[in-house]
Amino acid sequence: MKSFIEKNDRFVHRFLEILLGITTWAFLTSPVWLGIFYPQAMVYLLTFLTVYWSYLAFRHSIGLFVGYSRYKEEMATNWYLQCQKLNFEELPDKETLPPSLNEVRHLIVIPVVNEPDPVLTDCIDSIFDQTFPTSQIILVFTAEEKWAVDTIDRIRKIIGEREKQLCKLMFFIHPVGIPGEAIGDGGANRHWGCSHAVEELNKLGENIRNYTFSNFDSDHVLDKQYIARFTHLYLTTDRRDNHFYSSAVPLFDNNLWRVPFMMRIEANSTTVGVISDWAVSKGSVRKTFSAFSVSLKTLIDADYFDVALGADDTIFFWRAFFVRKGEFDGVPYYIPYSADAVEGKSYSDSYRSLYKQLLRWGWGVVDFPLSVKGFLKHREIKSSKKLSWMIRHLKERVFLVNSVFLITFGFGIVTLVNPLVKQSSFAYSLPKIMSTILTLTLVFMIPGTFFKKKFSSPPPKEWSLFRRMATYLESPLIMLNLLTFSFLPWLQAQTMMLLGKKFKRLYHTTKVR
């Protein structure tokens, strides 16, 4: 099988691209063709989707309760003190363990383009405010060539005399126009900065085994205990090279109350969705997302980031997954970081930016053919793990993307293409059943609204009472988001892949202050 795939890589890859797209469109159009040929099946499918969606809402609520409990517990703990209490003689996996806490080094690489000073300042200040000593942090900025001179000069001014507090400060300039690189995606810039930083460390004779790597964006603002908590988790985890370490609490507090309401709904949905999923799921079914950390050895073994596909954090997971022969999964912690919600220069520009960003996120679907080919090549990976990931792929890419559309419009489409369905006994009570179940499901919006307020910063004090109360109405509007921004960009990305189209230029989300 491996030799066949290698000899016919382009054919196999294209087949898998088409297969996923056809599956998605077959599912999405099922009310039409099932409505004509087998309407009973469509009724059963819609009933199942409605019940399953209610189950997911219940599961989501449980996850929020569990996640919030862990969040409160971890936020109340002094994690640097816990690091100091560690007995290195008792820690697991001695071969990958740094000799002592003082010899732990954190390599932080941040790609930059032309972000305004307030964005860079918030990010940089949060690193210098860490409870973990900054003298053990190597801070690397990798800048796009077009704006590099100005951006690096501004970063140096922001850091100022604080450079002496770092173990080392590095700058690299990513050249424009390197053949084969995706334009507009951070993967190529990350790859450039990471690989060159490792070269410098090797020249200095540094022991790579003492280093971790953390992947951040220029708008990420870390809680003061972020690095200390990650350090403690990294040191106490067995087979530390076989895991990525990720905060389960990604917030968007940097500008949450300044953006239009649909941006807030999308941002808050991401926050509570990630928290809940980490709380109730095993790390084996999570992928790297946004901010994450690994051992530097794992980064090197995975050959850094993909420069061509335009889905840097998602594809990195699979690079590490296969280099570790399937033994690679996530370990969460509940100390938060905050990023920017999508914000444009105007109200309409914000909506355009949000769509473009989600289209770029949807382009992460390129991991489907890549991962399936890997499953077929690597026979040493457990079949159960391959199966669980295939189910996860279909659930994320096909089932969840389209379910809300089918639940909302499926029965109407069936009766439109086949009016006789209304007269059938098996479909007579379906609308009432679905309506009752979905009405009951609204109860599960209450925990989401409650915990959203617990995790995020409160609205500005100058807001009127009416405007504050209106924010509670945003939760029911999540259905509007699920039928638009959480549906159309993802469908477009899969359709583009189905038709064999590629992004010539990926959208870089502009940071606004």
Protein backbone atom coordinates (compact mmCIF):
# COMPACT_ATOMS: atom_id res chain seq x y z
CA MET A 1 0.00 0.00 0.00
CA LYS A 2 2.81 2.42 0.89
CA SER A 3 4.61 1.88 -2.41
CA PHE A 4 1.35 2.27 -4.37
CA ILE A 5 0.61 5.58 -2.68
CA GLU A 6 4.14 6.86 -3.24
CA LYS A 7 4.00 5.92 -6.93
CA ASN A 8 0.51 7.41 -7.37
CA ASP A 9 0.66 10.19 -4.81
CA ARG A 10 -0.98 12.85 -6.97
CA PHE A 11 -3.83 10.54 -8.01
CA VAL A 12 -4.49 9.34 -4.45
CA HIS A 13 -4.35 12.88 -3.09
CA ARG A 14 -6.78 14.17 -5.69
CA PHE A 15 -9.12 11.23 -5.11
CA LEU A 16 -9.27 12.00 -1.39
CA GLU A 17 -9.92 15.70 -2.05
CA ILE A 18 -12.84 14.77 -4.29
CA LEU A 19 -14.10 12.08 -1.91
CA LEU A 20 -14.53 14.47 1.02
CA GLY A 21 -16.17 17.14 -1.12
CA ILE A 22 -18.61 14.69 -2.67
CA THR A 23 -19.47 13.29 0.77
CA THR A 24 -20.19 16.79 2.07
CA TRP A 25 -22.39 17.75 -0.87
CA ALA A 26 -24.18 14.38 -0.83
CA PHE A 27 -25.04 14.95 2.83
CA LEU A 28 -26.04 18.57 2.27
CA THR A 29 -28.32 17.74 -0.67
CA SER A 30 -29.80 14.64 0.93
CA PRO A 31 -33.23 16.31 1.40
CA VAL A 32 -33.46 16.54 -2.40
CA TRP A 33 -32.43 13.07 -3.52
CA LEU A 34 -33.68 11.21 -0.45
CA GLY A 35 -36.85 13.28 -0.56
CA ILE A 36 -37.51 11.96 -4.05
CA PHE A 37 -36.33 8.37 -3.79
CA TYR A 38 -36.64 7.45 -0.10
CA PRO A 39 -38.38 10.15 1.99
CA GLN A 40 -38.73 7.83 5.00
CA ALA A 41 -34.95 7.74 5.33
CA MET A 42 -34.80 11.53 5.31
CA VAL A 43 -37.36 11.71 8.10
CA TYR A 44 -35.31 9.30 10.19
CA LEU A 45 -32.12 11.26 9.40
CA LEU A 46 -33.65 14.59 10.44
CA THR A 47 -34.96 13.04 13.65
CA PHE A 48 -31.51 11.63 14.40
CA LEU A 49 -29.80 14.97 13.67
CA THR A 50 -32.19 16.80 15.99
CA VAL A 51 -31.68 14.33 18.85
CA TYR A 52 -27.91 14.24 18.31
CA TRP A 53 -27.70 18.03 18.27
CA SER A 54 -29.53 18.10 21.60
CA TYR A 55 -27.05 15.55 22.96
CA LEU A 56 -24.16 17.74 21.83
CA ALA A 57 -25.72 20.74 23.57
CA PHE A 58 -26.05 18.72 26.80
CA ARG A 59 -22.47 17.45 26.47
CA HIS A 60 -21.29 21.00 25.82
CA SER A 61 -22.95 22.19 29.04
CA ILE A 62 -21.29 19.43 31.07
CA GLY A 63 -17.95 20.36 29.52
CA LEU A 64 -18.37 23.98 30.56
CA PHE A 65 -19.10 23.02 34.16
CA VAL A 66 -16.02 20.77 34.26
CA GLY A 67 -13.82 23.27 32.40
CA TYR A 68 -14.78 26.18 34.63
CA SER A 69 -14.04 24.14 37.74
CA ARG A 70 -10.55 23.32 36.43
CA TYR A 71 -10.03 26.93 35.37
CA LYS A 72 -10.83 28.24 38.87
CA GLU A 73 -8.58 25.64 40.49
CA GLU A 74 -5.60 26.35 38.24
CA MET A 75 -5.97 30.13 38.44
CA ALA A 76 -5.84 29.88 42.24
CA THR A 77 -2.56 27.92 42.21
CA ASN A 78 0.93 29.45 42.32
CA TRP A 79 2.46 27.49 39.47
CA TYR A 80 6.00 28.80 39.67
CA LEU A 81 6.06 27.81 43.33
CA GLN A 82 4.83 24.35 42.29
CA CYS A 83 7.67 24.19 39.75
CA GLN A 84 10.18 25.02 42.47
CA LYS A 85 8.82 22.21 44.63
CA LEU A 86 9.39 19.54 41.95
CA ASN A 87 11.85 16.78 42.76
CA PHE A 88 13.61 16.08 39.48
CA GLU A 89 14.68 12.66 40.74
CA GLU A 90 11.02 11.62 40.82
CA LEU A 91 9.89 13.09 37.49
CA PRO A 92 9.10 10.73 34.58
CA ASP A 93 10.97 10.10 31.33
CA LYS A 94 14.49 10.91 32.53
CA GLU A 95 15.98 10.78 29.02
CA THR A 96 14.02 13.85 27.89
CA LEU A 97 14.12 15.71 31.21
CA PRO A 98 16.26 18.84 31.70
CA PRO A 99 18.71 18.42 34.61
CA SER A 100 17.04 21.07 36.79
CA LEU A 101 14.43 23.81 36.75
CA ASN A 102 17.13 26.46 36.27
CA GLU A 103 18.24 24.76 33.05
CA VAL A 104 14.79 24.73 31.46
CA ARG A 105 14.68 27.06 28.45
CA HIS A 106 11.63 28.28 26.56
CA LEU A 107 11.98 29.23 22.90
CA ILE A 108 9.09 31.54 21.98
CA VAL A 109 8.74 32.36 18.28
CA ILE A 110 6.36 35.10 17.16
CA PRO A 111 5.81 35.90 13.47
CA VAL A 112 5.12 39.57 12.77
CA VAL A 113 3.98 41.48 9.71
CA ASN A 114 3.17 45.16 10.28
CA GLU A 115 1.09 45.12 13.46
CA PRO A 116 0.50 48.46 15.21
CA ASP A 117 2.43 49.29 18.38
CA PRO A 118 -0.46 48.68 20.83
CA VAL A 119 -0.84 45.08 19.56
CA LEU A 120 2.89 44.37 19.86
CA THR A 121 3.13 46.13 23.22
CA ASP A 122 0.36 44.07 24.83
CA CYS A 123 1.92 40.84 23.61
CA ILE A 124 5.47 41.73 24.66
CA ASP A 125 4.44 43.12 28.05
CA SER A 126 2.58 39.91 28.85
CA ILE A 127 5.79 37.91 28.29
CA PHE A 128 7.82 40.17 30.57
CA ASP A 129 5.06 39.98 33.22
CA GLN A 130 5.32 36.18 33.54
CA THR A 131 5.88 34.67 36.99
CA PHE A 132 8.38 32.31 35.35
CA PRO A 133 11.83 33.96 35.04
CA THR A 134 12.28 35.73 31.71
CA SER A 135 16.01 34.97 32.03
CA GLN A 136 15.09 31.46 30.86
CA ILE A 137 13.14 32.68 27.81
CA ILE A 138 14.57 33.04 24.30
CA LEU A 139 12.27 35.45 22.49
CA VAL A 140 12.33 35.29 18.69
CA PHE A 141 10.55 37.59 16.24
CA THR A 142 10.45 36.54 12.61
CA ALA A 143 9.38 39.43 10.39
CA GLU A 144 8.05 39.54 6.84
CA GLU A 145 10.61 41.26 4.63
CA LYS A 146 8.32 43.98 3.22
CA TRP A 147 7.85 45.67 6.61
CA ALA A 148 10.76 44.10 8.51
CA VAL A 149 12.98 47.16 9.07
CA ASP A 150 10.20 49.30 10.55
CA THR A 151 8.59 46.46 12.53
CA ILE A 152 11.85 45.26 14.10
CA ASP A 153 12.80 48.83 15.00
CA ARG A 154 9.45 49.34 16.74
CA ILE A 155 9.77 46.04 18.62
CA ARG A 156 13.25 47.01 19.86
CA LYS A 157 11.86 50.31 21.16
CA ILE A 158 8.97 48.54 22.93
CA ILE A 159 11.34 46.09 24.62
CA GLY A 160 13.96 48.72 25.40
CA GLU A 161 16.14 48.02 28.42
CA ARG A 162 14.12 44.91 29.22
CA GLU A 163 16.18 42.96 26.68
CA LYS A 164 18.69 42.37 29.51
CA GLN A 165 16.01 40.40 31.37
CA LEU A 166 15.79 37.79 28.59
CA CYS A 167 18.09 34.85 28.05
CA LYS A 168 18.33 35.99 24.43
CA LEU A 169 16.46 38.13 21.91
CA MET A 170 16.59 37.15 18.22
CA PHE A 171 15.26 38.69 15.00
CA PHE A 172 14.99 37.05 11.60
CA ILE A 173 13.67 38.41 8.31
CA HIS A 174 11.60 36.10 6.15
CA PRO A 175 12.36 36.86 2.48
CA VAL A 176 9.47 37.47 0.12
CA GLY A 177 8.89 35.33 -2.97
CA ILE A 178 10.48 32.03 -1.95
CA PRO A 179 9.23 29.47 -4.53
CA GLY A 180 6.63 27.02 -3.23
CA GLU A 181 5.58 29.05 -0.19
CA ALA A 182 1.95 29.94 0.48
CA ILE A 183 1.46 33.70 0.51
CA GLY A 184 -0.43 35.22 3.43
CA ASP A 185 -0.11 32.28 5.82
CA GLY A 186 2.12 32.35 8.88
CA GLY A 187 3.51 28.84 8.33
CA ALA A 188 6.33 29.89 6.03
CA ASN A 189 7.35 32.73 8.34
CA ARG A 190 7.21 30.43 11.39
CA HIS A 191 9.29 27.81 9.58
CA TRP A 192 11.91 30.40 8.68
CA GLY A 193 12.16 31.82 12.19
CA CYS A 194 12.15 28.46 13.98
CA SER A 195 14.73 26.80 11.74
CA HIS A 196 17.09 29.77 11.93
CA ALA A 197 16.68 30.08 15.69
CA VAL A 198 17.62 26.41 16.10
CA GLU A 199 20.67 26.98 13.89
CA GLU A 200 21.76 29.78 16.22
CA LEU A 201 21.24 27.63 19.30
CA ASN A 202 23.30 24.83 17.76
CA LYS A 203 26.10 27.29 16.95
CA LEU A 204 26.07 28.38 20.59
CA GLY A 205 26.39 24.72 21.67
CA GLU A 206 23.05 24.72 23.49
CA ASN A 207 21.53 21.43 24.66
CA ILE A 208 18.30 21.15 22.64
CA ARG A 209 16.94 18.69 25.20
CA ASN A 210 16.60 21.53 27.69
CA TYR A 211 14.37 23.53 25.36
CA THR A 212 10.65 23.76 24.75
CA PHE A 213 9.02 25.61 21.86
CA SER A 214 5.91 27.78 22.11
CA ASN A 215 3.87 28.90 19.11
CA PHE A 216 2.25 32.32 19.56
CA ASP A 217 0.79 35.05 17.38
CA SER A 218 1.63 38.74 17.70
CA ASP A 219 -1.76 39.54 19.30
CA HIS A 220 -1.56 36.87 22.00
CA VAL A 221 -1.60 38.26 25.53
CA LEU A 222 -0.60 35.65 28.09
CA ASP A 223 -1.88 35.34 31.62
CA LYS A 224 1.02 35.94 34.01
CA GLN A 225 1.07 32.24 35.02
CA TYR A 226 0.93 30.86 31.47
CA ILE A 227 4.59 29.86 31.10
CA ALA A 228 4.88 28.60 34.69
CA ARG A 229 1.81 26.37 34.29
CA PHE A 230 3.05 24.97 31.00
CA THR A 231 6.48 24.33 32.54
CA HIS A 232 5.00 22.36 35.41
CA LEU A 233 2.81 20.31 33.08
CA TYR A 234 5.68 19.65 30.68
CA LEU A 235 8.03 18.48 33.42
CA THR A 236 5.47 16.19 35.08
CA THR A 237 4.13 14.55 31.89
CA ASP A 238 5.45 11.15 30.83
CA ARG A 239 6.68 10.78 27.22
CA ARG A 240 6.82 14.56 26.98
CA ASP A 241 8.04 14.42 23.37
CA ASN A 242 4.79 12.70 22.38
CA HIS A 243 2.47 15.51 23.38
CA PHE A 244 1.56 19.05 22.55
CA TYR A 245 0.54 21.30 25.42
CA SER A 246 -2.30 23.75 24.92
CA SER A 247 -4.37 26.17 26.93
CA ALA A 248 -8.00 25.09 26.98
CA VAL A 249 -9.03 28.72 27.58
CA PRO A 250 -8.45 30.86 24.46
CA LEU A 251 -10.06 34.23 25.14
CA PHE A 252 -10.63 37.20 22.84
CA ASP A 253 -10.65 39.90 25.50
CA ASN A 254 -8.20 42.22 23.73
CA ASN A 255 -10.99 43.94 21.79
CA LEU A 256 -14.10 41.86 22.51
CA TRP A 257 -16.40 44.75 23.38
CA ARG A 258 -15.26 46.93 20.52
CA VAL A 259 -16.22 44.61 17.64
CA PRO A 260 -19.67 44.08 16.03
CA PHE A 261 -21.92 41.55 17.76
CA MET A 262 -21.39 38.76 15.20
CA MET A 263 -17.64 38.97 15.81
CA ARG A 264 -18.32 38.56 19.53
CA ILE A 265 -20.60 35.59 18.91
CA GLU A 266 -17.93 33.86 16.81
CA ALA A 267 -15.18 34.66 19.32
CA ASN A 268 -17.19 33.54 22.34
CA SER A 269 -18.33 30.40 20.52
CA THR A 270 -14.69 29.51 19.89
CA THR A 271 -13.82 30.09 23.55
CA VAL A 272 -16.60 28.04 25.13
CA GLY A 273 -16.36 25.39 22.40
CA VAL A 274 -12.64 24.79 22.99
CA ILE A 275 -13.04 24.79 26.79
CA SER A 276 -15.92 22.32 26.69
CA ASP A 277 -14.27 20.04 24.12
CA TRP A 278 -11.02 19.80 26.08
CA ALA A 279 -12.92 19.15 29.31
CA VAL A 280 -14.93 16.19 28.01
CA SER A 281 -12.67 14.84 25.24
CA LYS A 282 -9.45 12.93 25.33
CA GLY A 283 -6.39 14.69 23.96
CA SER A 284 -6.10 12.02 21.28
CA VAL A 285 -8.91 13.67 19.31
CA ARG A 286 -7.66 17.25 19.50
CA LYS A 287 -5.34 18.99 17.06
CA THR A 288 -2.93 21.85 17.59
CA PHE A 289 -4.75 25.18 17.43
CA SER A 290 -3.36 28.70 17.61
CA ALA A 291 -1.17 28.85 20.75
CA PHE A 292 0.50 25.56 21.70
CA SER A 293 3.82 24.23 22.95
CA VAL A 294 5.97 21.14 22.35
CA SER A 295 9.47 20.03 23.18
CA LEU A 296 11.95 21.66 20.82
CA LYS A 297 13.10 18.16 19.85
CA THR A 298 9.59 17.38 18.59
CA LEU A 299 9.53 20.59 16.56
CA ILE A 300 12.84 19.66 14.94
CA ASP A 301 11.83 16.04 14.31
CA ALA A 302 8.62 17.25 12.63
CA ASP A 303 10.73 19.52 10.39
CA TYR A 304 9.04 22.65 11.69
CA PHE A 305 6.03 23.95 9.74
CA ASP A 306 4.58 23.34 6.30
CA VAL A 307 5.35 26.26 4.00
CA ALA A 308 3.07 25.37 1.08
CA LEU A 309 -0.37 24.24 2.25
CA GLY A 310 -1.44 27.34 4.14
CA ALA A 311 -2.70 25.67 7.32
CA ASP A 312 0.27 25.91 9.65
CA ASP A 313 -0.96 24.82 13.07
CA THR A 314 -3.27 22.07 11.78
CA ILE A 315 -0.66 20.56 9.46
CA PHE A 316 2.00 20.74 12.17
CA PHE A 317 -0.08 18.32 14.21
CA TRP A 318 0.03 15.73 11.44
CA ARG A 319 3.74 16.21 10.84
CA ALA A 320 4.36 15.48 14.51
CA PHE A 321 1.72 12.72 14.60
CA PHE A 322 3.41 10.71 11.87
CA VAL A 323 6.98 11.34 12.98
CA ARG A 324 5.92 9.98 16.38
CA LYS A 325 4.22 7.01 14.65
CA GLY A 326 0.75 7.97 15.80
CA GLU A 327 1.74 8.46 19.44
CA PHE A 328 1.11 12.19 19.63
CA ASP A 329 -1.77 13.89 21.41
CA GLY A 330 -2.72 16.93 23.44
CA VAL A 331 -2.48 17.75 27.12
CA PRO A 332 -4.58 20.75 28.22
CA TYR A 333 -4.17 23.28 30.98
CA TYR A 334 -6.60 26.00 32.04
CA ILE A 335 -4.50 29.13 32.33
CA PRO A 336 -5.80 31.48 29.61
CA TYR A 337 -4.35 33.65 26.90
CA SER A 338 -6.22 36.34 25.01
CA ALA A 339 -6.19 37.15 21.30
CA ASP A 340 -7.90 39.71 19.09
CA ALA A 341 -11.41 39.06 17.84
CA VAL A 342 -11.66 39.88 14.13
CA GLU A 343 -11.97 43.63 13.69
CA GLY A 344 -11.98 45.68 10.49
CA LYS A 345 -11.53 49.37 9.82
CA SER A 346 -15.31 49.74 9.53
CA TYR A 347 -18.47 47.82 10.41
CA SER A 348 -18.74 46.19 6.98
CA ASP A 349 -15.00 45.58 6.78
CA SER A 350 -15.20 43.62 10.03
CA TYR A 351 -17.70 41.21 8.48
CA ARG A 352 -15.58 40.82 5.36
CA SER A 353 -12.51 40.14 7.50
CA LEU A 354 -14.37 37.58 9.59
CA TYR A 355 -15.52 35.68 6.52
CA LYS A 356 -12.04 35.69 5.02
CA GLN A 357 -10.46 34.50 8.25
CA LEU A 358 -12.97 31.68 8.63
CA LEU A 359 -12.42 30.73 5.01
CA ARG A 360 -8.72 30.43 5.81
CA TRP A 361 -9.55 28.33 8.86
CA GLY A 362 -11.85 26.23 6.70
CA TRP A 363 -8.93 25.66 4.35
CA GLY A 364 -7.56 23.48 7.13
CA VAL A 365 -9.59 20.79 5.35
CA VAL A 366 -6.41 20.16 3.34
CA ASP A 367 -5.35 17.99 6.27
CA PHE A 368 -7.89 15.34 5.24
CA PRO A 369 -6.07 13.93 2.18
CA LEU A 370 -2.71 14.42 3.88
CA SER A 371 -3.70 12.53 7.03
CA VAL A 372 -5.56 9.72 5.26
CA LYS A 373 -2.54 9.09 3.02
CA GLY A 374 -0.46 8.92 6.18
CA PHE A 375 -2.85 6.39 7.71
CA LEU A 376 -2.48 4.17 4.63
CA LYS A 377 1.31 4.46 4.59
CA HIS A 378 2.01 3.92 8.29
CA ARG A 379 0.93 0.41 9.13
CA GLU A 380 2.56 0.67 12.56
CA ILE A 381 -0.14 3.11 13.74
CA LYS A 382 -2.96 1.41 15.61
CA SER A 383 -6.08 0.78 13.53
CA SER A 384 -8.26 2.04 16.40
CA LYS A 385 -6.46 5.39 16.31
CA LYS A 386 -6.87 5.67 12.55
CA LEU A 387 -10.56 4.85 12.87
CA SER A 388 -11.12 7.42 15.62
CA TRP A 389 -9.52 10.11 13.49
CA MET A 390 -11.54 9.16 10.41
CA ILE A 391 -14.71 9.47 12.48
CA ARG A 392 -13.49 12.81 13.79
CA HIS A 393 -12.78 14.02 10.25
CA LEU A 394 -16.25 13.12 9.03
CA LYS A 395 -17.88 14.56 12.13
CA GLU A 396 -16.06 17.90 11.82
CA ARG A 397 -15.96 18.32 8.05
CA VAL A 398 -19.29 16.79 7.01
CA PHE A 399 -21.65 16.22 9.89
CA LEU A 400 -21.32 19.30 12.13
CA VAL A 401 -20.82 21.81 9.32
CA ASN A 402 -24.08 20.88 7.63
CA SER A 403 -26.33 19.64 10.44
CA VAL A 404 -27.83 22.98 11.47
CA PHE A 405 -28.73 23.76 7.85
CA LEU A 406 -30.45 20.39 7.47
CA ILE A 407 -32.28 20.66 10.78
CA THR A 408 -33.51 24.16 9.85
CA PHE A 409 -34.41 23.66 6.20
CA GLY A 410 -34.32 19.90 5.58
CA PHE A 411 -38.00 19.10 6.05
CA GLY A 412 -39.08 22.11 4.02
CA ILE A 413 -36.85 21.03 1.13
CA VAL A 414 -38.20 17.46 1.30
CA THR A 415 -41.79 18.62 1.07
CA LEU A 416 -40.87 21.01 -1.73
CA VAL A 417 -39.37 18.28 -3.94
CA ASN A 418 -41.95 15.70 -2.88
CA PRO A 419 -45.27 17.30 -1.73
CA LEU A 420 -46.76 13.85 -1.10
CA VAL A 421 -44.56 13.53 1.98
CA LYS A 422 -46.94 15.84 3.87
CA GLN A 423 -49.68 13.25 3.48
CA SER A 424 -47.63 10.37 4.85
CA SER A 425 -48.14 9.21 8.42
CA PHE A 426 -44.40 8.81 9.14
CA ALA A 427 -43.75 12.52 8.40
CA TYR A 428 -46.93 14.03 9.86
CA SER A 429 -45.63 14.59 13.37
CA LEU A 430 -41.95 15.23 12.49
CA PRO A 431 -42.10 19.07 12.59
CA LYS A 432 -43.73 18.98 16.03
CA ILE A 433 -41.20 16.47 17.35
CA MET A 434 -38.25 18.48 16.04
CA SER A 435 -39.69 21.73 17.37
CA THR A 436 -40.23 20.22 20.84
CA ILE A 437 -36.71 18.79 21.02
CA LEU A 438 -35.07 22.00 19.80
CA THR A 439 -37.15 24.09 22.21
CA LEU A 440 -35.98 21.94 25.10
CA THR A 441 -32.42 22.28 23.81
CA LEU A 442 -32.64 26.07 24.35
CA VAL A 443 -32.24 25.30 28.07
CA PHE A 444 -28.62 24.36 27.36
CA MET A 445 -27.93 27.89 26.15
CA ILE A 446 -28.16 29.08 29.75
CA PRO A 447 -24.85 27.49 30.88
CA GLY A 448 -23.17 28.86 27.76
CA THR A 449 -24.39 32.39 28.51
CA PHE A 450 -23.45 32.08 32.18
CA PHE A 451 -19.92 30.75 31.64
CA LYS A 452 -19.23 33.09 28.74
CA LYS A 453 -19.61 35.92 31.24
CA LYS A 454 -17.39 34.12 33.77
CA PHE A 455 -14.48 33.64 31.40
CA SER A 456 -14.56 36.96 29.53
CA SER A 457 -14.03 40.47 30.80
CA PRO A 458 -17.23 42.44 31.59
CA PRO A 459 -18.65 45.05 29.19
CA PRO A 460 -17.26 48.59 29.53
CA LYS A 461 -18.61 50.51 32.52
CA GLU A 462 -19.71 53.38 30.30
CA TRP A 463 -22.16 51.14 28.45
CA SER A 464 -25.83 51.78 29.23
CA LEU A 465 -27.89 49.21 31.11
CA PHE A 466 -29.86 48.48 27.95
CA ARG A 467 -26.70 47.80 25.96
CA ARG A 468 -25.37 45.55 28.71
CA MET A 469 -28.60 43.58 28.87
CA ALA A 470 -28.60 43.23 25.09
CA THR A 471 -25.40 41.18 25.30
CA TYR A 472 -27.44 38.37 26.89
CA LEU A 473 -29.45 38.15 23.68
CA GLU A 474 -26.33 37.27 21.71
CA SER A 475 -26.42 33.64 22.81
CA PRO A 476 -29.70 32.79 21.00
CA LEU A 477 -28.26 34.46 17.91
CA ILE A 478 -25.63 31.73 17.76
CA MET A 479 -28.08 29.91 15.45
CA LEU A 480 -27.69 32.76 12.97
CA ASN A 481 -23.92 32.36 13.22
CA LEU A 482 -24.18 28.59 12.69
CA LEU A 483 -26.12 29.16 9.47
CA THR A 484 -23.72 31.79 8.12
CA PHE A 485 -20.15 32.25 9.33
CA SER A 486 -19.85 28.75 10.78
CA PHE A 487 -21.29 27.21 7.63
CA LEU A 488 -20.63 29.07 4.38
CA PRO A 489 -16.83 29.63 4.63
CA TRP A 490 -16.24 25.99 5.56
CA LEU A 491 -18.46 24.80 2.71
CA GLN A 492 -16.67 27.11 0.29
CA ALA A 493 -13.27 25.77 1.35
CA GLN A 494 -14.35 22.16 0.82
CA THR A 495 -15.92 23.02 -2.53
CA MET A 496 -12.72 24.70 -3.66
CA MET A 497 -10.75 21.60 -2.73
CA LEU A 498 -13.32 19.40 -4.52
CA LEU A 499 -12.88 21.46 -7.70
CA GLY A 500 -9.11 21.35 -7.43
CA LYS A 501 -8.71 25.06 -6.78
CA LYS A 502 -5.95 26.47 -4.61
CA PHE A 503 -5.56 29.68 -2.66
CA LYS A 504 -3.12 31.86 -4.57
CA ARG A 505 -2.99 34.27 -1.66
CA LEU A 506 -4.25 33.47 1.83
CA TYR A 507 -5.88 36.21 3.86
CA HIS A 508 -3.79 37.72 6.65
CA THR A 509 -6.15 39.06 9.33
CA THR A 510 -5.17 42.68 9.90
CA LYS A 511 -4.86 43.78 13.53
CA VAL A 512 -6.67 47.02 14.30
CA ARG A 513 -6.13 49.37 17.23
